[in-house]
C-alpha atoms as a PDB file:
ATOM      1  CA  MET A   1     -33.422 -20.149  -2.774  1.00  0.00           C
ATOM      2  CA  VAL A   2     -29.959 -18.619  -3.020  1.00  0.00           C
ATOM      3  CA  HIS A   3     -29.011 -16.662  -0.098  1.00  0.00           C
ATOM      4  CA  GLU A   4     -25.136 -17.008   0.193  1.00  0.00           C
ATOM      5  CA  LEU A   5     -23.087 -14.186  -1.386  1.00  0.00           C
ATOM      6  CA  SER A   6     -20.088 -16.623  -1.881  1.00  0.00           C
ATOM      7  CA  ASN A   7     -22.282 -19.084  -4.222  1.00  0.00           C
ATOM      8  CA  MET A   8     -23.514 -16.169  -6.593  1.00  0.00           C
ATOM      9  CA  SER A   9     -22.163 -14.842  -9.818  1.00  0.00           C
ATOM     10  CA  TRP A  10     -21.868 -11.415  -9.838  1.00  0.00           C
ATOM     11  CA  MET A  11     -25.098 -11.462 -12.097  1.00  0.00           C
ATOM     12  CA  GLU A  12     -26.790 -13.226  -9.183  1.00  0.00           C
ATOM     13  CA  ALA A  13     -25.182 -10.830  -6.757  1.00  0.00           C
ATOM     14  CA  GLU A  14     -26.530  -7.539  -8.874  1.00  0.00           C
ATOM     15  CA  GLU A  15     -30.058  -9.219  -8.734  1.00  0.00           C
ATOM     16  CA  LYS A  16     -29.806 -10.444  -4.729  1.00  0.00           C
ATOM     17  CA  PHE A  17     -28.984  -6.757  -3.915  1.00  0.00           C
ATOM     18  CA  SER A  18     -31.682  -5.114  -5.821  1.00  0.00           C
ATOM     19  CA  LYS A  19     -34.284  -6.737  -3.492  1.00  0.00           C
ATOM     20  CA  ALA A  20     -32.291  -7.448  -0.511  1.00  0.00           C
ATOM     21  CA  LYS A  21     -33.742  -5.231   2.653  1.00  0.00           C
ATOM     22  CA  LEU A  22     -31.099  -6.797   4.607  1.00  0.00           C
ATOM     23  CA  ALA A  23     -27.657  -8.668   5.089  1.00  0.00           C
ATOM     24  CA  ILE A  24     -26.175 -10.761   7.432  1.00  0.00           C
ATOM     25  CA  VAL A  25     -22.598 -10.813   8.189  1.00  0.00           C
ATOM     26  CA  PRO A  26     -21.143 -13.563  10.560  1.00  0.00           C
ATOM     27  CA  VAL A  27     -18.006 -12.838  12.549  1.00  0.00           C
ATOM     28  CA  GLY A  28     -15.844 -14.957  14.625  1.00  0.00           C
ATOM     29  CA  ALA A  29     -12.399 -15.656  16.381  1.00  0.00           C
ATOM     30  CA  VAL A  30      -9.711 -18.168  15.912  1.00  0.00           C
ATOM     31  CA  GLU A  31      -8.909 -18.828  19.649  1.00  0.00           C
ATOM     32  CA  GLN A  32      -8.545 -21.713  21.778  1.00  0.00           C
ATOM     33  CA  HIS A  33     -11.607 -23.241  23.626  1.00  0.00           C
ATOM     34  CA  GLY A  34     -10.163 -25.581  26.224  1.00  0.00           C
ATOM     35  CA  LEU A  35      -8.757 -29.026  25.392  1.00  0.00           C
ATOM     36  CA  HIS A  36     -12.015 -30.404  23.617  1.00  0.00           C
ATOM     37  CA  LEU A  37     -12.930 -27.977  21.079  1.00  0.00           C
ATOM     38  CA  GLY A  38     -10.925 -26.719  17.818  1.00  0.00           C
ATOM     39  CA  VAL A  39      -9.632 -23.346  17.655  1.00  0.00           C
ATOM     40  CA  GLY A  40     -12.255 -22.066  15.005  1.00  0.00           C
ATOM     41  CA  ALA A  41     -15.081 -22.851  17.379  1.00  0.00           C
ATOM     42  CA  ASP A  42     -16.069 -19.136  17.354  1.00  0.00           C
ATOM     43  CA  TRP A  43     -16.209 -18.604  13.484  1.00  0.00           C
ATOM     44  CA  ILE A  44     -17.518 -21.939  12.969  1.00  0.00           C
ATOM     45  CA  GLN A  45     -20.689 -21.583  15.018  1.00  0.00           C
ATOM     46  CA  ALA A  46     -21.064 -17.924  13.777  1.00  0.00           C
ATOM     47  CA  TRP A  47     -21.142 -19.399   9.903  1.00  0.00           C
ATOM     48  CA  ASN A  48     -23.409 -22.448  10.465  1.00  0.00           C
ATOM     49  CA  ILE A  49     -26.012 -20.195  12.382  1.00  0.00           C
ATOM     50  CA  ALA A  50     -25.983 -17.400   9.689  1.00  0.00           C
ATOM     51  CA  GLU A  51     -26.160 -19.833   6.814  1.00  0.00           C
ATOM     52  CA  LYS A  52     -29.033 -21.864   8.439  1.00  0.00           C
ATOM     53  CA  VAL A  53     -30.651 -18.306   9.181  1.00  0.00           C
ATOM     54  CA  GLY A  54     -30.282 -17.337   5.566  1.00  0.00           C
ATOM     55  CA  GLU A  55     -32.040 -20.521   4.560  1.00  0.00           C
ATOM     56  CA  ARG A  56     -34.873 -19.530   6.900  1.00  0.00           C
ATOM     57  CA  THR A  57     -35.428 -16.082   5.972  1.00  0.00           C
ATOM     58  CA  ASP A  58     -33.770 -15.824   2.490  1.00  0.00           C
ATOM     59  CA  ALA A  59     -31.675 -12.926   3.946  1.00  0.00           C
ATOM     60  CA  LEU A  60     -28.218 -12.372   2.013  1.00  0.00           C
ATOM     61  CA  VAL A  61     -25.505 -13.976   4.018  1.00  0.00           C
ATOM     62  CA  LEU A  62     -21.969 -12.468   3.628  1.00  0.00           C
ATOM     63  CA  PRO A  63     -18.934 -14.808   4.120  1.00  0.00           C
ATOM     64  CA  VAL A  64     -17.713 -15.292   7.679  1.00  0.00           C
ATOM     65  CA  MET A  65     -15.276 -12.773   9.114  1.00  0.00           C
ATOM     66  CA  PRO A  66     -12.990 -15.497  10.805  1.00  0.00           C
ATOM     67  CA  TYR A  67     -10.660 -13.279  12.614  1.00  0.00           C
ATOM     68  CA  GLY A  68     -11.375 -11.260  15.784  1.00  0.00           C
ATOM     69  CA  VAL A  69     -10.186  -9.581  18.850  1.00  0.00           C
ATOM     70  CA  SER A  70      -8.620 -12.662  20.832  1.00  0.00           C
ATOM     71  CA  GLY A  71      -5.445 -11.236  21.926  1.00  0.00           C
ATOM     72  CA  HIS A  72      -6.039 -11.929  25.737  1.00  0.00           C
ATOM     73  CA  HIS A  73      -5.760 -15.869  24.567  1.00  0.00           C
ATOM     74  CA  ARG A  74      -2.600 -15.309  22.951  1.00  0.00           C
ATOM     75  CA  ASP A  75      -0.862 -17.745  25.693  1.00  0.00           C
ATOM     76  CA  PHE A  76      -2.828 -20.998  24.135  1.00  0.00           C
ATOM     77  CA  SER A  77      -1.251 -22.340  20.767  1.00  0.00           C
ATOM     78  CA  GLY A  78      -3.531 -21.562  17.581  1.00  0.00           C
ATOM     79  CA  THR A  79      -5.001 -18.270  18.828  1.00  0.00           C
ATOM     80  CA  VAL A  80      -4.632 -15.771  15.824  1.00  0.00           C
ATOM     81  CA  PHE A  81      -6.077 -12.448  16.334  1.00  0.00           C
ATOM     82  CA  LEU A  82      -6.912  -8.919  15.025  1.00  0.00           C
ATOM     83  CA  LYS A  83      -6.000  -5.665  17.150  1.00  0.00           C
ATOM     84  CA  PRO A  84      -9.540  -4.002  17.930  1.00  0.00           C
ATOM     85  CA  ALA A  85      -8.932  -0.930  15.503  1.00  0.00           C
ATOM     86  CA  THR A  86      -8.130  -3.275  12.817  1.00  0.00           C
ATOM     87  CA  LEU A  87     -11.282  -5.294  13.092  1.00  0.00           C
ATOM     88  CA  GLN A  88     -13.237  -1.980  13.508  1.00  0.00           C
ATOM     89  CA  LYS A  89     -11.695  -0.633  10.332  1.00  0.00           C
ATOM     90  CA  VAL A  90     -12.681  -3.896   8.366  1.00  0.00           C
ATOM     91  CA  VAL A  91     -16.332  -3.864   9.730  1.00  0.00           C
ATOM     92  CA  SER A  92     -16.503  -0.169   8.632  1.00  0.00           C
ATOM     93  CA  GLU A  93     -15.343  -0.745   5.304  1.00  0.00           C
ATOM     94  CA  ILE A  94     -17.739  -3.965   4.672  1.00  0.00           C
ATOM     95  CA  LEU A  95     -20.445  -1.682   5.710  1.00  0.00           C
ATOM     96  CA  GLU A  96     -19.380   1.045   3.199  1.00  0.00           C
ATOM     97  CA  CYS A  97     -19.277  -1.255   0.507  1.00  0.00           C
ATOM     98  CA  LEU A  98     -23.051  -2.743   1.828  1.00  0.00           C
ATOM     99  CA  ASN A  99     -24.293   1.028   1.541  1.00  0.00           C
ATOM    100  CA  ARG A 100     -22.991   1.357  -1.908  1.00  0.00           C
ATOM    101  CA  TYR A 101     -25.079  -1.658  -2.963  1.00  0.00           C
ATOM    102  CA  GLY A 102     -28.332   0.039  -1.113  1.00  0.00           C
ATOM    103  CA  ILE A 103     -28.300  -2.230   2.132  1.00  0.00           C
ATOM    104  CA  LYS A 104     -29.446  -0.121   4.700  1.00  0.00           C
ATOM    105  CA  LYS A 105     -29.861  -2.774   7.694  1.00  0.00           C
ATOM    106  CA  VAL A 106     -27.260  -5.345   8.704  1.00  0.00           C
ATOM    107  CA  VAL A 107     -27.193  -8.097  11.180  1.00  0.00           C
ATOM    108  CA  PHE A 108     -24.163  -9.448  12.776  1.00  0.00           C
ATOM    109  CA  ILE A 109     -23.984 -12.775  13.971  1.00  0.00           C
ATOM    110  CA  ASN A 110     -20.962 -12.557  16.610  1.00  0.00           C
ATOM    111  CA  GLY A 111     -19.439 -15.798  17.630  1.00  0.00           C
ATOM    112  CA  HIS A 112     -16.551 -13.750  20.065  1.00  0.00           C
ATOM    113  CA  GLY A 113     -17.579 -11.507  22.719  1.00  0.00           C
ATOM    114  CA  GLY A 114     -14.308  -9.707  22.291  1.00  0.00           C
ATOM    115  CA  ASN A 115     -15.320  -8.357  19.071  1.00  0.00           C
ATOM    116  CA  LEU A 116     -18.230  -6.467  20.408  1.00  0.00           C
ATOM    117  CA  GLN A 117     -16.678  -3.068  21.145  1.00  0.00           C
ATOM    118  CA  ALA A 118     -15.237  -3.170  17.580  1.00  0.00           C
ATOM    119  CA  ILE A 119     -18.314  -3.996  15.583  1.00  0.00           C
ATOM    120  CA  SER A 120     -20.321  -1.641  17.751  1.00  0.00           C
ATOM    121  CA  GLU A 121     -17.814   1.611  16.982  1.00  0.00           C
ATOM    122  CA  ALA A 122     -18.258   0.504  13.281  1.00  0.00           C
ATOM    123  CA  ALA A 123     -22.204   0.323  13.687  1.00  0.00           C
ATOM    124  CA  LYS A 124     -22.078   3.518  15.191  1.00  0.00           C
ATOM    125  CA  GLU A 125     -20.068   5.185  12.617  1.00  0.00           C
ATOM    126  CA  ALA A 126     -22.382   3.580   9.817  1.00  0.00           C
ATOM    127  CA  ARG A 127     -25.544   5.138  11.432  1.00  0.00           C
ATOM    128  CA  VAL A 128     -24.072   8.725  11.049  1.00  0.00           C
ATOM    129  CA  GLN A 129     -22.304   8.221   7.624  1.00  0.00           C
ATOM    130  CA  TYR A 130     -25.081   6.031   5.877  1.00  0.00           C
ATOM    131  CA  GLY A 131     -28.012   6.027   7.924  1.00  0.00           C
ATOM    132  CA  MET A 132     -27.496   2.319   8.490  1.00  0.00           C
ATOM    133  CA  ILE A 133     -29.094   0.353  11.224  1.00  0.00           C
ATOM    134  CA  CYS A 134     -27.083  -2.343  12.515  1.00  0.00           C
ATOM    135  CA  ALA A 135     -28.032  -5.143  14.960  1.00  0.00           C
ATOM    136  CA  ILE A 136     -25.483  -7.433  16.646  1.00  0.00           C
ATOM    137  CA  ILE A 137     -26.584 -10.753  17.923  1.00  0.00           C
ATOM    138  CA  GLN A 138     -24.384 -12.935  20.074  1.00  0.00           C
ATOM    139  CA  TRP A 139     -25.797 -16.331  19.842  1.00  0.00           C
ATOM    140  CA  TRP A 140     -25.727 -16.881  23.609  1.00  0.00           C
ATOM    141  CA  ASP A 141     -27.574 -14.154  24.177  1.00  0.00           C
ATOM    142  CA  ALA A 142     -30.648 -15.753  22.850  1.00  0.00           C
ATOM    143  CA  LEU A 143     -30.009 -18.376  25.653  1.00  0.00           C
ATOM    144  CA  VAL A 144     -29.682 -15.213  28.370  1.00  0.00           C
ATOM    145  CA  ASN A 145     -32.407 -16.416  30.557  1.00  0.00           C
ATOM    146  CA  LYS A 146     -32.342 -19.958  29.693  1.00  0.00           C
ATOM    147  CA  PRO A 147     -29.131 -21.720  31.622  1.00  0.00           C
ATOM    148  CA  VAL A 148     -28.109 -24.857  29.519  1.00  0.00           C
ATOM    149  CA  LEU A 149     -27.788 -27.913  31.743  1.00  0.00           C
ATOM    150  CA  GLY A 150     -27.487 -25.470  34.597  1.00  0.00           C
ATOM    151  CA  GLN A 151     -24.533 -23.461  33.107  1.00  0.00           C
ATOM    152  CA  PRO A 152     -24.545 -20.049  32.095  1.00  0.00           C
ATOM    153  CA  ALA A 153     -24.946 -20.228  27.800  1.00  0.00           C
ATOM    154  CA  GLU A 154     -21.990 -17.781  27.582  1.00  0.00           C
ATOM    155  CA  THR A 155     -19.691 -20.180  29.183  1.00  0.00           C
ATOM    156  CA  HIS A 156     -16.169 -20.778  27.497  1.00  0.00           C
ATOM    157  CA  GLY A 157     -16.125 -24.041  26.048  1.00  0.00           C
ATOM    158  CA  GLY A 158     -19.173 -24.937  28.330  1.00  0.00           C
ATOM    159  CA  TYR A 159     -22.338 -27.013  27.640  1.00  0.00           C
ATOM    160  CA  ALA A 160     -23.531 -24.479  25.350  1.00  0.00           C
ATOM    161  CA  GLU A 161     -20.888 -23.997  22.996  1.00  0.00           C
ATOM    162  CA  THR A 162     -19.761 -27.484  23.046  1.00  0.00           C
ATOM    163  CA  SER A 163     -23.291 -28.379  21.670  1.00  0.00           C
ATOM    164  CA  LEU A 164     -23.300 -25.684  18.941  1.00  0.00           C
ATOM    165  CA  MET A 165     -19.822 -27.027  17.799  1.00  0.00           C
ATOM    166  CA  LEU A 166     -21.186 -30.705  17.625  1.00  0.00           C
ATOM    167  CA  ALA A 167     -24.146 -29.571  15.944  1.00  0.00           C
ATOM    168  CA  SER A 168     -21.761 -27.624  13.337  1.00  0.00           C
ATOM    169  CA  ARG A 169     -18.656 -29.406  13.040  1.00  0.00           C
ATOM    170  CA  PRO A 170     -18.625 -32.726  14.990  1.00  0.00           C
ATOM    171  CA  GLN A 171     -14.820 -33.857  13.842  1.00  0.00           C
ATOM    172  CA  ALA A 172     -13.803 -30.510  16.171  1.00  0.00           C
ATOM    173  CA  VAL A 173     -14.993 -31.885  19.227  1.00  0.00           C
ATOM    174  CA  LYS A 174     -13.372 -34.361  21.588  1.00  0.00           C
ATOM    175  CA  LEU A 175     -15.673 -34.829  24.593  1.00  0.00           C
ATOM    176  CA  GLN A 176     -13.071 -37.124  26.158  1.00  0.00           C
ATOM    177  CA  TYR A 177     -11.147 -34.111  26.994  1.00  0.00           C
ATOM    178  CA  ALA A 178     -13.927 -31.820  28.047  1.00  0.00           C
ATOM    179  CA  VAL A 179     -13.437 -30.081  31.266  1.00  0.00           C
ATOM    180  CA  LEU A 180     -14.154 -26.568  32.854  1.00  0.00           C
ATOM    181  CA  SER A 181     -11.369 -25.178  34.713  1.00  0.00           C
ATOM    182  CA  PRO A 182     -12.516 -23.380  37.658  1.00  0.00           C
ATOM    183  CA  THR A 183     -11.755 -19.466  37.503  1.00  0.00           C
ATOM    184  CA  LYS A 184      -8.253 -19.220  39.265  1.00  0.00           C
ATOM    185  CA  GLN A 185      -8.621 -17.606  42.750  1.00  0.00           C
ATOM    186  CA  VAL A 186      -6.024 -15.338  44.340  1.00  0.00           C
ATOM    187  CA  SER A 187      -7.911 -13.178  46.753  1.00  0.00           C
ATOM    188  CA  LYS A 188     -10.843 -13.656  49.307  1.00  0.00           C
ATOM    189  CA  ASP A 189     -11.884 -10.174  48.916  1.00  0.00           C
ATOM    190  CA  ILE A 190     -11.702  -9.605  45.022  1.00  0.00           C
ATOM    191  CA  GLN A 191     -13.278 -12.802  43.281  1.00  0.00           C
ATOM    192  CA  LEU A 192     -11.830 -13.385  39.917  1.00  0.00           C
ATOM    193  CA  ILE A 193     -15.141 -14.289  37.321  1.00  0.00           C
ATOM    194  CA  SER A 194     -13.556 -13.822  33.801  1.00  0.00           C
ATOM    195  CA  SER A 195     -10.445 -12.663  32.557  1.00  0.00           C
ATOM    196  CA  GLY A 196     -12.157  -9.055  32.442  1.00  0.00           C
ATOM    197  CA  THR A 197     -14.660  -9.259  35.563  1.00  0.00           C
ATOM    198  CA  ALA A 198     -14.525  -9.592  39.177  1.00  0.00           C
ATOM    199  CA  ARG A 199     -16.672  -9.623  42.061  1.00  0.00           C
ATOM    200  CA  PHE A 200     -16.260  -7.073  45.279  1.00  0.00           C
ATOM    201  CA  LYS A 201     -18.551  -6.858  47.778  1.00  0.00           C
ATOM    202  CA  ASP A 202     -21.915  -6.656  46.472  1.00  0.00           C
ATOM    203  CA  GLY A 203     -20.808  -4.991  43.053  1.00  0.00           C
ATOM    204  CA  MET A 204     -18.789  -5.953  40.252  1.00  0.00           C
ATOM    205  CA  VAL A 205     -15.560  -4.287  38.907  1.00  0.00           C
ATOM    206  CA  ARG A 206     -13.441  -4.551  35.454  1.00  0.00           C
ATOM    207  CA  ILE A 207      -9.789  -6.321  35.872  1.00  0.00           C
ATOM    208  CA  VAL A 208      -8.446  -6.684  32.391  1.00  0.00           C
ATOM    209  CA  LEU A 209      -6.307  -9.767  32.688  1.00  0.00           C
ATOM    210  CA  ARG A 210      -5.263 -12.720  30.229  1.00  0.00           C
ATOM    211  CA  THR A 211      -7.006 -15.766  29.709  1.00  0.00           C
ATOM    212  CA  ALA A 212      -4.117 -17.605  31.188  1.00  0.00           C
ATOM    213  CA  ASP A 213      -4.467 -15.712  34.396  1.00  0.00           C
ATOM    214  CA  VAL A 214      -7.681 -17.134  35.210  1.00  0.00           C
ATOM    215  CA  SER A 215      -7.674 -20.396  33.649  1.00  0.00           C
ATOM    216  CA  GLN A 216      -5.393 -23.265  33.282  1.00  0.00           C
ATOM    217  CA  THR A 217      -6.826 -25.153  30.312  1.00  0.00           C
ATOM    218  CA  GLY A 218      -8.546 -22.262  28.431  1.00  0.00           C
ATOM    219  CA  SER A 219     -12.049 -23.235  29.113  1.00  0.00           C
ATOM    220  CA  MET A 220     -13.642 -21.281  31.767  1.00  0.00           C
ATOM    221  CA  ALA A 221     -17.033 -20.466  33.551  1.00  0.00           C
ATOM    222  CA  GLU A 222     -17.379 -16.929  33.089  1.00  0.00           C
ATOM    223  CA  HIS A 223     -18.725 -16.814  36.606  1.00  0.00           C
ATOM    224  CA  HIS A 224     -17.181 -17.347  39.749  1.00  0.00           C
ATOM    225  CA  PRO A 225     -16.715 -21.275  40.361  1.00  0.00           C
ATOM    226  CA  ASP A 226     -19.594 -21.336  43.338  1.00  0.00           C
ATOM    227  CA  GLN A 227     -21.906 -20.398  41.076  1.00  0.00           C
ATOM    228  CA  VAL A 228     -21.449 -22.925  38.051  1.00  0.00           C
ATOM    229  CA  PRO A 229     -22.157 -26.477  39.087  1.00  0.00           C
ATOM    230  CA  GLY A 230     -20.914 -29.428  36.752  1.00  0.00           C
ATOM    231  CA  THR A 231     -17.749 -28.676  35.260  1.00  0.00           C
ATOM    232  CA  ARG A 232     -16.689 -32.246  34.304  1.00  0.00           C
ATOM    233  CA  ASP A 233     -20.135 -34.126  33.262  1.00  0.00           C
ATOM    234  CA  TYR A 234     -20.522 -33.328  29.638  1.00  0.00           C
ATOM    235  CA  SER A 235     -22.362 -36.809  29.242  1.00  0.00           C
ATOM    236  CA  LYS A 236     -25.837 -35.137  28.396  1.00  0.00           C
ATOM    237  CA  VAL A 237     -24.398 -33.147  25.491  1.00  0.00           C
ATOM    238  CA  THR A 238     -25.639 -35.528  23.030  1.00  0.00           C
ATOM    239  CA  ARG A 239     -25.778 -35.043  19.200  1.00  0.00           C
ATOM    240  CA  GLU A 240     -29.668 -34.802  19.713  1.00  0.00           C
ATOM    241  CA  PHE A 241     -29.278 -32.363  22.491  1.00  0.00           C
ATOM    242  CA  ALA A 242     -26.832 -30.461  20.464  1.00  0.00           C
ATOM    243  CA  GLU A 243     -29.278 -30.297  17.443  1.00  0.00           C
ATOM    244  CA  ASN A 244     -32.315 -28.926  19.523  1.00  0.00           C
ATOM    245  CA  LEU A 245     -29.941 -26.406  21.057  1.00  0.00           C
ATOM    246  CA  MET A 246     -29.004 -25.061  17.537  1.00  0.00           C
ATOM    247  CA  LYS A 247     -32.564 -25.170  16.604  1.00  0.00           C
ATOM    248  CA  GLU A 248     -33.703 -23.115  19.477  1.00  0.00           C
ATOM    249  CA  VAL A 249     -30.723 -20.349  18.308  1.00  0.00           C
ATOM    250  CA  VAL A 250     -31.795 -20.494  14.861  1.00  0.00           C
ATOM    251  CA  ASP A 251     -35.367 -19.857  15.403  1.00  0.00           C
ATOM    252  CA  TYR A 252     -34.867 -17.031  17.733  1.00  0.00           C
ATOM    253  CA  ILE A 253     -32.544 -15.319  15.340  1.00  0.00           C
ATOM    254  CA  SER A 254     -34.635 -15.833  12.430  1.00  0.00           C
ATOM    255  CA  ASP A 255     -37.573 -14.654  14.131  1.00  0.00           C
ATOM    256  CA  PHE A 256     -35.618 -11.274  14.924  1.00  0.00           C
ATOM    257  CA  VAL A 257     -34.212 -10.881  11.195  1.00  0.00           C
ATOM    258  CA  ARG A 258     -37.919 -11.048   9.714  1.00  0.00           C
ATOM    259  CA  LYS A 259     -39.120  -8.401  12.594  1.00  0.00           C
ATOM    260  CA  PHE A 260     -35.870  -6.335  11.885  1.00  0.00           C
ATOM    261  CA  GLU A 261     -36.574  -6.224   8.234  1.00  0.00           C
ATOM    262  CA  SER A 262     -39.539  -3.765   8.857  1.00  0.00           C
ATOM    263  CA  PHE A 263     -38.256  -2.126  11.765  1.00  0.00           C
ATOM    264  CA  GLU A 264     -37.844   1.577  11.579  1.00  0.00           C
ATOM    265  CA  VAL A 265     -36.582   4.240  13.788  1.00  0.00           C
ATOM    266  CA  PRO A 266     -38.686   7.563  13.741  1.00  0.00           C
ATOM    267  CA  PRO A 267     -37.017  10.406  12.114  1.00  0.00           C
ATOM    268  CA  ILE A 268     -34.476  12.538  14.278  1.00  0.00           C
ATOM    269  CA  ASP A 269     -36.153  15.383  15.398  1.00  0.00           C
ATOM    270  CA  VAL A 270     -33.660  17.229  18.008  1.00  0.00           C
ATOM    271  CA  SER A 271     -34.604  21.093  18.631  1.00  0.00           C
ATOM    272  CA  LYS A 272     -35.076  23.590  21.393  1.00  0.00           C
ATOM    273  CA  GLU A 273     -38.817  23.307  20.516  1.00  0.00           C
ATOM    274  CA  THR A 274     -39.244  19.700  20.445  1.00  0.00           C
ATOM    275  CA  ALA A 275     -37.314  19.203  23.596  1.00  0.00           C
ATOM    276  CA  LEU A 276     -39.382  22.076  25.586  1.00  0.00           C
ATOM    277  CA  LYS A 277     -42.633  19.943  24.239  1.00  0.00           C
ATOM    278  CA  ALA A 278     -41.342  17.166  26.594  1.00  0.00           C
ATOM    279  CA  LEU A 279     -41.644  19.451  29.808  1.00  0.00           C
ATOM    280  CA  LYS A 280     -45.671  20.034  28.843  1.00  0.00           C
END
């Protein structure tokens, strides 16, 4: 099965597009991930997952988009980022091209949470302009109800992300330097969770900061320090553990892709008469 667009000639691509129901677009970022992971972590993981999902499902996989919205990491060397409007425009134009080839469903495998809004806005435009249906999967959301060794899966540079990097590109992992920085705290009343969120009383507020405002090393829990055990012990992040976690993520996304191929929304029917029927 040939599923990676990069490996196809234009004639092979023409044949694949004529049969394809769906395309996968991996998106990542080039940003720091603490002292122990390479700055390509987000795009490397997104690409590796997409490639494996393509193998499982025979879905068309586009080349990875390595740069993302990472300006909040700019204080750490090696971070190369796009503005949100730039990423949105790039995604929009990719969707325009896919529409020209007859693709009506797209699955974005997003490796960096900062990209979510830009991809979502481009997907909304494509829904209106081309009737496309886009799904956005962030790999950690596949594990949202399954803490990894006691940590939330979205922890930046934590056990889950380190595992997926170990399974994807072990030469970019230096476990001897692995440590999670507790989120810096400056107020007992407003507790910082991440560079964008804080806890106040029993609720949550958004405070927009830079990563360096809340972390000394770049890695961070994305939760209040009291909620995240094990900031230094990465001993259980073995190659075997990493491969099993990668398989779990790939299984989940592959299952979704298969179901999404046949997913259809009902025709839009917005009228006074339709609305009034809902009252009956």
